[in-house]
Amino acid sequence: MKKISLIIAFILLIISNNNAQENTIEKIIAVVGSNILMQSELETQYIQRVGEGNTEITKCKLFEELLYQKLLLEQAQKDSIEISDTQVESELERRFRFYITQLGSEEKFVQFYGKTIAAFKIELRDKIRDLLLSQTMQGKITNGISVTPSEVKNYYNNINPDSLPLINAEVEIGQIVKKPFISLEAKAEAKKKTEDIRQRILKGEKFSTLAVLYSEDPGSSKNGGEYKNIQRGMFVPEFDAVAFRIKEKEISEVFETLYGYHIMELIERKGEMVDVRHILIAPQVATSDILAAKLFLDSIHNLINKDSISFSDASGKFSDDEESKNNGGIILNPQTGTTKFEMDEIGQLDPNLVFSIDKMKVGELTTALPMTTKDAKQAYRLVYLKSRTEPHRANLKDDYQKIQALVLAEKQQKAVMNWTLKKIPTTYIKIADDYKNCKFDTQWLNVKN
């Protein structure tokens, strides 16, 4: 339901934006310095918030939020803060990639709206730039603010217990991963297949057609192997090295990454970004090697259960997952940076894990379970349930990091409020009569307007 509401919100955002431009007379409802706030912008944002399920938002409350954004934007412009075209394009690409994923494909997106993504990007580019400028300015205001353990403790001791956030059920889990051995013969075969495809391209066959037919990269094969607007750091180093070294229309030599063997063609270089197409051929793992990985973990499982070795030590010694093995086998939540997961976050990590740990007791270890690694290869793992907490009010023992985040957010909000109160009297602000009766949290009307 959450994904559906986000799609609806985005649809409403675009439709309302188009309708505002095509069917209504634009009305200025506020001026902050040299920046104006239009009625259509307020309506667009309001429809988006409602579409996201925000039932508490009012137009007056949103109007004040937008005034604040315009104030940040005004100061960012005064401070000559710059947002590069690459940053804007990256943010546009991130947003459209998400919504295309939800709708199914780029073709479905274009078919639904009757407009290309490139056309949408042109319409939204300036708004995204302004948003990034405002965010950068806010970051400049709150930069360097931190909280001490004593501040966290004082906050907790003085807050009304009923005001503490409700924490959903959470778990901490660990893993020991074993990837199947890939034989030298399998690697050689994959490399030869990749080289054969390269020779076919050099002799005139179409790269994109062969990518559709043979590439084992699920993220690009259906698009003829194409990736657009790549920036350095978006892919593994070996991939980046080739993408930013070869010339336009050049076909690379065969190169290897942890995913397998690749060939690449540079379509276009656009400043610090490139468009490429590539073909991936992964070495085939023998069934016997997959079984061997499972049997190896079965032996580790027996050693841990006999207390011959601890889970943490076994992970550090035997696991093939570099991230978790350096953390005692415990998996870090990529969304929060902590070791705790809510069950829906576990589902996003791997839906099969939810079923595996649902009935487990704290301290239990699963038998070897099949998995797919980040490089899309088959493997097995042992899963360990380190802790489980039931739904509860936040407390210092179990939820220190969450309470710390609350204290930091409150401290940052005070800094922003103080900055706003100082800037309002020195900034030209004009508010339309329609909104002067709104009950603002900040004294926006205590200026000559």
Protein backbone atom coordinates (compact mmCIF):
# COMPACT_ATOMS: atom_id res chain seq x y z
CA MET A 1 0.00 0.00 0.00
CA LYS A 2 2.85 2.37 0.78
CA LYS A 3 4.36 1.88 -2.69
CA ILE A 4 0.97 2.43 -4.33
CA SER A 5 0.39 5.66 -2.39
CA LEU A 6 3.82 6.95 -3.43
CA ILE A 7 3.03 6.26 -7.08
CA ILE A 8 -0.32 8.02 -6.72
CA ALA A 9 1.39 10.95 -5.03
CA PHE A 10 3.87 11.30 -7.87
CA ILE A 11 1.10 11.03 -10.47
CA LEU A 12 -0.89 13.70 -8.67
CA LEU A 13 2.21 15.86 -8.37
CA ILE A 14 2.78 15.84 -12.12
CA ILE A 15 -0.87 16.08 -13.10
CA SER A 16 -1.57 18.93 -10.70
CA ASN A 17 1.58 20.72 -11.85
CA ASN A 18 0.48 20.42 -15.49
CA ASN A 19 -3.09 21.47 -14.70
CA ALA A 20 -1.84 24.47 -12.78
CA GLN A 21 0.21 25.55 -15.74
CA GLU A 22 -2.43 24.86 -18.37
CA ASN A 23 -5.81 25.48 -16.74
CA THR A 24 -5.40 28.18 -14.09
CA ILE A 25 -4.14 31.73 -13.85
CA GLU A 26 -0.98 31.70 -11.74
CA LYS A 27 -1.30 33.67 -8.52
CA ILE A 28 1.59 34.88 -6.37
CA ILE A 29 0.78 34.13 -2.70
CA ALA A 30 4.13 35.12 -1.18
CA VAL A 31 7.42 36.82 -1.99
CA VAL A 32 10.57 36.05 0.01
CA GLY A 33 13.44 38.23 -1.10
CA SER A 34 13.76 37.62 -4.84
CA ASN A 35 11.87 34.31 -4.74
CA ILE A 36 8.14 33.94 -5.26
CA LEU A 37 5.68 31.31 -4.07
CA MET A 38 2.85 30.50 -6.45
CA GLN A 39 -0.61 29.20 -5.56
CA SER A 40 -0.02 26.26 -7.93
CA GLU A 41 3.13 25.26 -6.02
CA LEU A 42 1.19 25.13 -2.76
CA GLU A 43 -1.63 23.13 -4.35
CA THR A 44 0.82 20.71 -5.96
CA GLN A 45 2.66 20.08 -2.70
CA TYR A 46 -0.61 19.71 -0.80
CA ILE A 47 -1.92 17.05 -3.21
CA GLN A 48 1.40 15.24 -2.94
CA ARG A 49 1.34 15.18 0.88
CA VAL A 50 -2.24 13.95 0.96
CA GLY A 51 -1.38 11.29 -1.61
CA GLU A 52 1.45 10.10 0.66
CA GLY A 53 -1.07 9.60 3.45
CA ASN A 54 -0.34 12.74 5.50
CA THR A 55 -3.73 13.45 7.09
CA GLU A 56 -2.46 16.12 9.48
CA ILE A 57 -1.16 18.58 6.91
CA THR A 58 -3.13 21.78 6.36
CA LYS A 59 -2.59 24.37 3.67
CA CYS A 60 -1.58 26.95 6.28
CA LYS A 61 0.98 24.59 7.78
CA LEU A 62 2.34 23.72 4.36
CA PHE A 63 2.36 27.40 3.38
CA GLU A 64 4.68 28.11 6.31
CA GLU A 65 6.96 25.21 5.32
CA LEU A 66 7.24 26.65 1.82
CA LEU A 67 7.99 30.13 3.20
CA TYR A 68 10.85 28.59 5.15
CA GLN A 69 12.14 26.81 2.02
CA LYS A 70 12.07 30.09 0.10
CA LEU A 71 13.98 31.78 2.92
CA LEU A 72 16.65 29.07 2.77
CA LEU A 73 16.77 29.42 -1.01
CA GLU A 74 17.17 33.18 -0.75
CA GLN A 75 20.10 32.83 1.65
CA ALA A 76 21.70 30.10 -0.47
CA GLN A 77 21.62 32.47 -3.43
CA LYS A 78 23.11 35.28 -1.35
CA ASP A 79 25.87 32.95 -0.14
CA SER A 80 26.56 31.91 -3.75
CA ILE A 81 26.02 28.24 -2.96
CA GLU A 82 26.25 26.24 -6.16
CA ILE A 83 24.56 23.01 -7.16
CA SER A 84 26.19 21.32 -10.14
CA ASP A 85 24.29 19.99 -13.12
CA THR A 86 25.59 16.56 -12.15
CA GLN A 87 23.94 16.80 -8.72
CA VAL A 88 20.66 17.86 -10.25
CA GLU A 89 20.75 15.13 -12.86
CA SER A 90 21.66 12.53 -10.24
CA GLU A 91 18.70 13.50 -8.05
CA LEU A 92 16.33 13.51 -11.02
CA GLU A 93 17.64 10.11 -12.09
CA ARG A 94 17.24 8.71 -8.56
CA ARG A 95 13.63 9.87 -8.32
CA PHE A 96 12.59 8.68 -11.76
CA ARG A 97 14.38 5.36 -11.28
CA PHE A 98 12.30 4.74 -8.16
CA TYR A 99 8.97 5.58 -9.78
CA ILE A 100 9.76 3.63 -12.94
CA THR A 101 10.54 0.61 -10.76
CA GLN A 102 7.15 0.93 -9.07
CA LEU A 103 5.27 1.27 -12.37
CA GLY A 104 7.11 -1.62 -13.98
CA SER A 105 9.18 -0.11 -16.79
CA GLU A 106 10.18 3.09 -18.55
CA GLU A 107 7.86 2.17 -21.42
CA LYS A 108 4.86 1.91 -19.06
CA PHE A 109 5.77 5.25 -17.51
CA VAL A 110 5.90 6.99 -20.89
CA GLN A 111 2.78 5.22 -22.10
CA PHE A 112 0.80 6.30 -19.05
CA TYR A 113 1.80 9.98 -19.20
CA GLY A 114 2.19 10.36 -22.95
CA LYS A 115 5.43 12.22 -22.36
CA THR A 116 9.06 11.13 -22.27
CA ILE A 117 11.13 11.11 -19.11
CA ALA A 118 13.47 13.63 -20.74
CA ALA A 119 10.52 16.04 -21.12
CA PHE A 120 9.57 15.58 -17.47
CA LYS A 121 13.15 16.23 -16.40
CA ILE A 122 13.17 19.52 -18.28
CA GLU A 123 10.01 20.59 -16.43
CA LEU A 124 11.29 19.56 -12.98
CA ARG A 125 15.00 20.45 -13.28
CA ASP A 126 14.76 24.00 -11.86
CA LYS A 127 12.56 22.86 -8.98
CA ILE A 128 15.00 20.11 -8.07
CA ARG A 129 17.89 22.58 -8.18
CA ASP A 130 16.04 24.94 -5.81
CA LEU A 131 15.26 22.05 -3.48
CA LEU A 132 18.91 20.97 -3.38
CA LEU A 133 19.98 24.57 -2.72
CA SER A 134 17.56 24.79 0.23
CA GLN A 135 18.73 21.46 1.63
CA THR A 136 22.37 22.49 1.31
CA MET A 137 21.66 25.77 3.12
CA GLN A 138 19.89 23.96 5.94
CA GLY A 139 22.84 21.58 6.23
CA LYS A 140 25.13 24.59 6.50
CA ILE A 141 23.05 25.93 9.41
CA THR A 142 23.07 22.63 11.33
CA ASN A 143 26.61 21.57 10.43
CA GLY A 144 28.72 20.73 13.49
CA ILE A 145 25.80 20.31 15.88
CA SER A 146 26.16 17.20 18.05
CA VAL A 147 24.83 15.84 21.35
CA THR A 148 26.61 14.37 24.36
CA PRO A 149 25.57 11.29 26.37
CA SER A 150 24.61 13.56 29.27
CA GLU A 151 22.27 15.55 27.00
CA VAL A 152 20.62 12.32 25.87
CA LYS A 153 20.20 11.17 29.48
CA ASN A 154 18.80 14.53 30.60
CA TYR A 155 16.34 14.55 27.72
CA TYR A 156 15.12 11.07 28.59
CA ASN A 157 14.80 11.82 32.32
CA ASN A 158 12.81 15.02 31.75
CA ILE A 159 10.47 14.03 28.92
CA ASN A 160 6.91 12.89 29.61
CA PRO A 161 7.01 9.08 29.18
CA ASP A 162 3.91 9.27 26.98
CA SER A 163 5.85 11.51 24.58
CA LEU A 164 8.51 8.89 23.94
CA PRO A 165 8.11 7.24 20.54
CA LEU A 166 6.58 3.81 20.17
CA ILE A 167 9.17 1.36 18.86
CA ASN A 168 8.00 -1.52 16.70
CA ALA A 169 9.26 -5.07 17.21
CA GLU A 170 12.91 -5.27 16.17
CA VAL A 171 15.53 -7.97 15.73
CA GLU A 172 19.29 -8.20 15.44
CA ILE A 173 20.53 -10.93 13.13
CA GLY A 174 23.87 -12.31 12.07
CA GLN A 175 25.03 -14.52 9.23
CA ILE A 176 27.85 -16.74 8.06
CA VAL A 177 27.90 -16.84 4.26
CA LYS A 178 29.58 -19.44 2.10
CA LYS A 179 29.84 -18.88 -1.64
CA PRO A 180 30.37 -21.88 -3.91
CA PHE A 181 33.84 -22.39 -5.32
CA ILE A 182 34.16 -21.27 -8.95
CA SER A 183 36.53 -23.47 -10.89
CA LEU A 184 39.23 -22.14 -13.18
CA GLU A 185 37.56 -24.05 -16.01
CA ALA A 186 34.26 -22.21 -15.43
CA LYS A 187 36.04 -18.86 -15.41
CA ALA A 188 37.91 -19.67 -18.59
CA GLU A 189 34.70 -20.74 -20.32
CA ALA A 190 32.90 -17.51 -19.33
CA LYS A 191 35.82 -15.38 -20.46
CA LYS A 192 35.97 -17.18 -23.83
CA LYS A 193 32.21 -16.71 -24.36
CA THR A 194 32.57 -12.99 -23.61
CA GLU A 195 35.48 -12.68 -26.08
CA ASP A 196 33.47 -14.52 -28.77
CA ILE A 197 30.61 -12.05 -28.35
CA ARG A 198 33.08 -9.16 -28.57
CA GLN A 199 34.43 -10.48 -31.87
CA ARG A 200 30.88 -10.73 -33.25
CA ILE A 201 30.32 -7.05 -32.39
CA LEU A 202 33.61 -6.02 -33.99
CA LYS A 203 32.51 -7.85 -37.16
CA GLY A 204 29.33 -5.79 -37.34
CA GLU A 205 26.66 -7.41 -35.17
CA LYS A 206 24.65 -5.01 -33.03
CA PHE A 207 25.84 -4.64 -29.42
CA SER A 208 22.35 -4.00 -28.01
CA THR A 209 20.88 -7.08 -29.71
CA LEU A 210 23.60 -9.35 -28.34
CA ALA A 211 23.12 -7.79 -24.89
CA VAL A 212 19.44 -8.75 -24.94
CA LEU A 213 20.31 -12.28 -26.11
CA TYR A 214 23.29 -13.08 -23.88
CA SER A 215 23.91 -10.58 -21.06
CA GLU A 216 23.33 -11.95 -17.57
CA ASP A 217 22.91 -8.52 -15.96
CA PRO A 218 19.18 -8.29 -15.05
CA GLY A 219 19.47 -4.54 -14.55
CA SER A 220 20.38 -3.74 -18.15
CA SER A 221 19.99 -6.73 -20.49
CA LYS A 222 16.39 -5.91 -21.44
CA ASN A 223 17.51 -2.38 -22.34
CA GLY A 224 20.20 -3.60 -24.68
CA GLY A 225 22.79 -3.49 -21.91
CA GLU A 226 22.39 0.26 -21.45
CA TYR A 227 23.09 2.32 -18.33
CA LYS A 228 22.60 6.10 -18.45
CA ASN A 229 24.08 8.96 -16.45
CA ILE A 230 26.72 6.92 -14.64
CA GLN A 231 28.85 8.82 -12.15
CA ARG A 232 32.10 7.63 -10.62
CA GLY A 233 31.45 5.41 -7.62
CA MET A 234 28.07 4.12 -8.77
CA PHE A 235 29.52 0.77 -9.89
CA VAL A 236 32.40 -1.44 -8.80
CA PRO A 237 35.87 0.10 -9.38
CA GLU A 238 36.77 -2.17 -12.32
CA PHE A 239 33.57 -1.16 -14.14
CA ASP A 240 34.15 2.55 -13.45
CA ALA A 241 37.76 2.33 -14.62
CA VAL A 242 36.71 1.10 -18.07
CA ALA A 243 33.65 3.36 -18.36
CA PHE A 244 35.71 6.51 -17.80
CA ARG A 245 38.73 5.40 -19.84
CA ILE A 246 37.41 4.24 -23.22
CA LYS A 247 36.46 6.58 -26.05
CA GLU A 248 32.98 7.11 -27.48
CA LYS A 249 31.82 4.19 -29.70
CA GLU A 250 34.85 2.16 -28.61
CA ILE A 251 34.35 -1.50 -27.62
CA SER A 252 36.42 -2.37 -24.57
CA GLU A 253 38.58 -5.42 -24.11
CA VAL A 254 37.12 -8.17 -21.92
CA PHE A 255 37.48 -7.24 -18.25
CA GLU A 256 36.61 -8.96 -14.98
CA THR A 257 34.64 -7.83 -11.91
CA LEU A 258 33.25 -9.80 -8.99
CA TYR A 259 30.12 -10.33 -11.12
CA GLY A 260 31.95 -12.05 -13.99
CA TYR A 261 33.35 -10.97 -17.37
CA HIS A 262 32.24 -7.84 -19.26
CA ILE A 263 32.61 -5.96 -22.49
CA MET A 264 31.52 -2.35 -22.73
CA GLU A 265 30.75 0.34 -25.29
CA LEU A 266 30.84 4.02 -24.40
CA ILE A 267 27.74 5.63 -25.90
CA GLU A 268 28.31 9.21 -24.78
CA ARG A 269 30.41 11.20 -22.33
CA LYS A 270 28.55 14.09 -20.63
CA GLY A 271 31.00 15.98 -18.43
CA GLU A 272 31.40 13.87 -15.28
CA MET A 273 28.77 11.36 -16.41
CA VAL A 274 28.72 8.68 -19.09
CA ASP A 275 26.15 6.55 -20.89
CA VAL A 276 27.36 3.00 -21.61
CA ARG A 277 26.09 -0.39 -22.67
CA HIS A 278 27.68 -3.61 -21.51
CA ILE A 279 27.35 -7.38 -21.62
CA LEU A 280 28.00 -9.57 -18.59
CA ILE A 281 28.79 -13.28 -18.72
CA ALA A 282 29.04 -14.93 -15.30
CA PRO A 283 30.99 -18.17 -14.71
CA GLN A 284 28.66 -21.11 -14.20
CA VAL A 285 28.84 -22.79 -10.79
CA ALA A 286 28.60 -26.57 -10.73
CA THR A 287 25.79 -28.13 -8.68
CA SER A 288 28.39 -30.14 -6.78
CA ASP A 289 30.13 -26.90 -5.70
CA ILE A 290 26.84 -25.42 -4.47
CA LEU A 291 26.24 -28.58 -2.43
CA ALA A 292 29.78 -28.40 -1.06
CA ALA A 293 29.08 -24.89 0.28
CA LYS A 294 25.99 -26.19 2.09
CA LEU A 295 27.86 -29.15 3.58
CA PHE A 296 30.65 -26.85 4.75
CA LEU A 297 28.13 -24.67 6.64
CA ASP A 298 26.49 -27.77 8.11
CA SER A 299 29.86 -28.62 9.70
CA ILE A 300 30.23 -25.05 11.04
CA HIS A 301 26.67 -25.26 12.42
CA ASN A 302 27.63 -28.40 14.37
CA LEU A 303 30.78 -26.79 15.76
CA ILE A 304 28.84 -23.74 17.01
CA ASN A 305 26.11 -25.87 18.59
CA LYS A 306 28.77 -27.92 20.42
CA ASP A 307 30.35 -24.67 21.70
CA SER A 308 33.57 -25.57 19.92
CA ILE A 309 33.58 -22.07 18.43
CA SER A 310 31.48 -18.95 18.96
CA PHE A 311 29.23 -17.57 16.22
CA SER A 312 31.26 -14.35 16.12
CA ASP A 313 34.59 -16.16 15.77
CA ALA A 314 33.18 -18.55 13.17
CA SER A 315 31.92 -15.63 11.11
CA GLY A 316 35.27 -13.87 11.22
CA LYS A 317 37.10 -17.03 10.25
CA PHE A 318 34.80 -18.62 7.66
CA SER A 319 32.23 -16.15 6.27
CA ASP A 320 32.54 -14.91 2.69
CA ASP A 321 30.53 -11.75 3.42
CA GLU A 322 33.10 -9.02 4.08
CA GLU A 323 30.67 -6.52 5.62
CA SER A 324 29.12 -8.70 8.31
CA LYS A 325 32.21 -10.82 9.11
CA ASN A 326 34.01 -7.67 10.29
CA ASN A 327 31.09 -6.95 12.63
CA GLY A 328 31.04 -10.28 14.42
CA GLY A 329 28.69 -11.61 11.74
CA ILE A 330 25.97 -9.11 12.67
CA ILE A 331 24.23 -7.48 9.69
CA LEU A 332 23.98 -3.68 9.60
CA ASN A 333 20.68 -2.07 8.62
CA PRO A 334 21.50 -0.06 5.45
CA GLN A 335 18.63 2.37 6.14
CA THR A 336 19.61 3.31 9.69
CA GLY A 337 23.24 2.30 10.06
CA THR A 338 22.34 0.36 13.24
CA THR A 339 22.15 -3.39 13.85
CA LYS A 340 18.39 -3.39 14.46
CA PHE A 341 15.73 -4.21 11.87
CA GLU A 342 11.97 -3.99 11.92
CA MET A 343 10.36 -7.02 10.31
CA ASP A 344 9.30 -5.11 7.18
CA GLU A 345 12.94 -3.97 6.78
CA ILE A 346 14.02 -7.60 7.00
CA GLY A 347 11.53 -8.33 4.22
CA GLN A 348 13.14 -5.67 2.03
CA LEU A 349 16.56 -7.17 2.73
CA ASP A 350 15.39 -10.71 1.87
CA PRO A 351 11.73 -11.84 2.06
CA ASN A 352 12.82 -15.40 2.87
CA LEU A 353 14.55 -14.20 6.04
CA VAL A 354 11.24 -13.16 7.58
CA PHE A 355 9.98 -16.73 7.52
CA SER A 356 13.31 -18.09 8.72
CA ILE A 357 13.52 -16.02 11.89
CA ASP A 358 9.82 -15.63 12.69
CA LYS A 359 9.67 -18.62 15.07
CA MET A 360 13.29 -18.57 16.21
CA LYS A 361 14.32 -17.99 19.80
CA VAL A 362 17.07 -15.54 20.74
CA GLY A 363 20.43 -17.28 20.44
CA GLU A 364 19.23 -19.87 17.92
CA LEU A 365 21.02 -20.63 14.67
CA THR A 366 19.38 -21.87 11.47
CA THR A 367 20.64 -24.68 9.34
CA ALA A 368 22.25 -23.73 6.02
CA LEU A 369 19.78 -21.66 3.97
CA PRO A 370 20.02 -20.84 0.23
CA MET A 371 20.49 -17.17 -0.64
CA THR A 372 21.37 -14.84 -3.50
CA THR A 373 24.37 -12.59 -2.85
CA LYS A 374 24.68 -8.93 -3.82
CA ASP A 375 26.58 -9.98 -6.93
CA ALA A 376 23.55 -12.13 -7.91
CA LYS A 377 25.26 -15.47 -7.22
CA GLN A 378 23.90 -18.51 -5.41
CA ALA A 379 25.24 -19.17 -1.93
CA TYR A 380 24.29 -20.56 1.46
CA ARG A 381 24.26 -18.98 4.91
CA LEU A 382 23.65 -19.70 8.56
CA VAL A 383 21.40 -17.10 10.21
CA TYR A 384 21.73 -16.24 13.90
CA LEU A 385 19.09 -14.40 15.97
CA LYS A 386 21.03 -12.21 18.41
CA SER A 387 18.11 -10.29 19.93
CA ARG A 388 14.41 -9.61 19.62
CA THR A 389 12.48 -6.75 21.22
CA GLU A 390 8.71 -6.51 21.45
CA PRO A 391 6.82 -3.27 20.65
CA HIS A 392 7.51 -0.77 23.45
CA ARG A 393 8.08 2.83 24.44
CA ALA A 394 11.64 3.93 23.72
CA ASN A 395 14.09 3.46 26.59
CA LEU A 396 17.77 4.23 27.06
CA LYS A 397 18.84 0.60 27.36
CA ASP A 398 17.34 -0.69 24.10
CA ASP A 399 16.91 2.48 22.04
CA TYR A 400 19.77 4.83 22.89
CA GLN A 401 20.53 5.61 19.24
CA LYS A 402 16.91 6.48 18.50
CA ILE A 403 16.67 8.79 21.52
CA GLN A 404 20.02 10.33 20.56
CA ALA A 405 18.59 11.04 17.11
CA LEU A 406 15.56 12.74 18.68
CA VAL A 407 17.78 14.97 20.82
CA LEU A 408 19.95 15.87 17.83
CA ALA A 409 16.89 16.66 15.69
CA GLU A 410 15.48 18.91 18.44
CA LYS A 411 18.82 20.70 18.82
CA GLN A 412 19.07 21.20 15.07
CA GLN A 413 15.50 22.46 14.92
CA LYS A 414 16.28 25.09 17.57
CA ALA A 415 19.30 26.24 15.57
CA VAL A 416 17.15 26.52 12.45
CA MET A 417 14.46 28.42 14.36
CA ASN A 418 16.99 30.89 15.76
CA TRP A 419 18.43 31.39 12.28
CA THR A 420 14.95 31.96 10.84
CA LEU A 421 14.03 34.52 13.50
CA LYS A 422 17.20 36.46 12.71
CA LYS A 423 16.66 36.36 8.95
CA ILE A 424 12.99 37.32 8.79
CA PRO A 425 13.44 40.99 9.89
CA THR A 426 16.22 41.54 7.35
CA THR A 427 14.46 39.87 4.40
CA TYR A 428 11.72 41.35 2.23
CA ILE A 429 8.63 39.18 2.81
CA LYS A 430 5.24 39.78 1.26
CA ILE A 431 2.29 37.49 2.12
CA ALA A 432 -1.00 37.54 0.22
CA ASP A 433 -4.06 38.57 2.22
CA ASP A 434 -5.57 35.09 1.77
CA TYR A 435 -2.93 33.63 4.10
CA LYS A 436 -2.48 36.37 6.70
CA ASN A 437 -5.06 34.71 8.95
CA CYS A 438 -3.01 31.50 9.19
CA LYS A 439 -1.66 30.68 12.65
CA PHE A 440 2.07 30.52 12.05
CA ASP A 441 4.65 28.99 14.42
CA THR A 442 7.09 31.74 13.41
CA GLN A 443 6.28 35.45 13.26
CA TRP A 444 6.35 35.81 9.50
CA LEU A 445 3.97 38.77 9.70
CA ASN A 446 6.18 40.79 12.05
CA VAL A 447 7.75 42.43 9.04
CA LYS A 448 6.65 45.20 6.75
CA ASN A 449 4.46 43.41 4.18
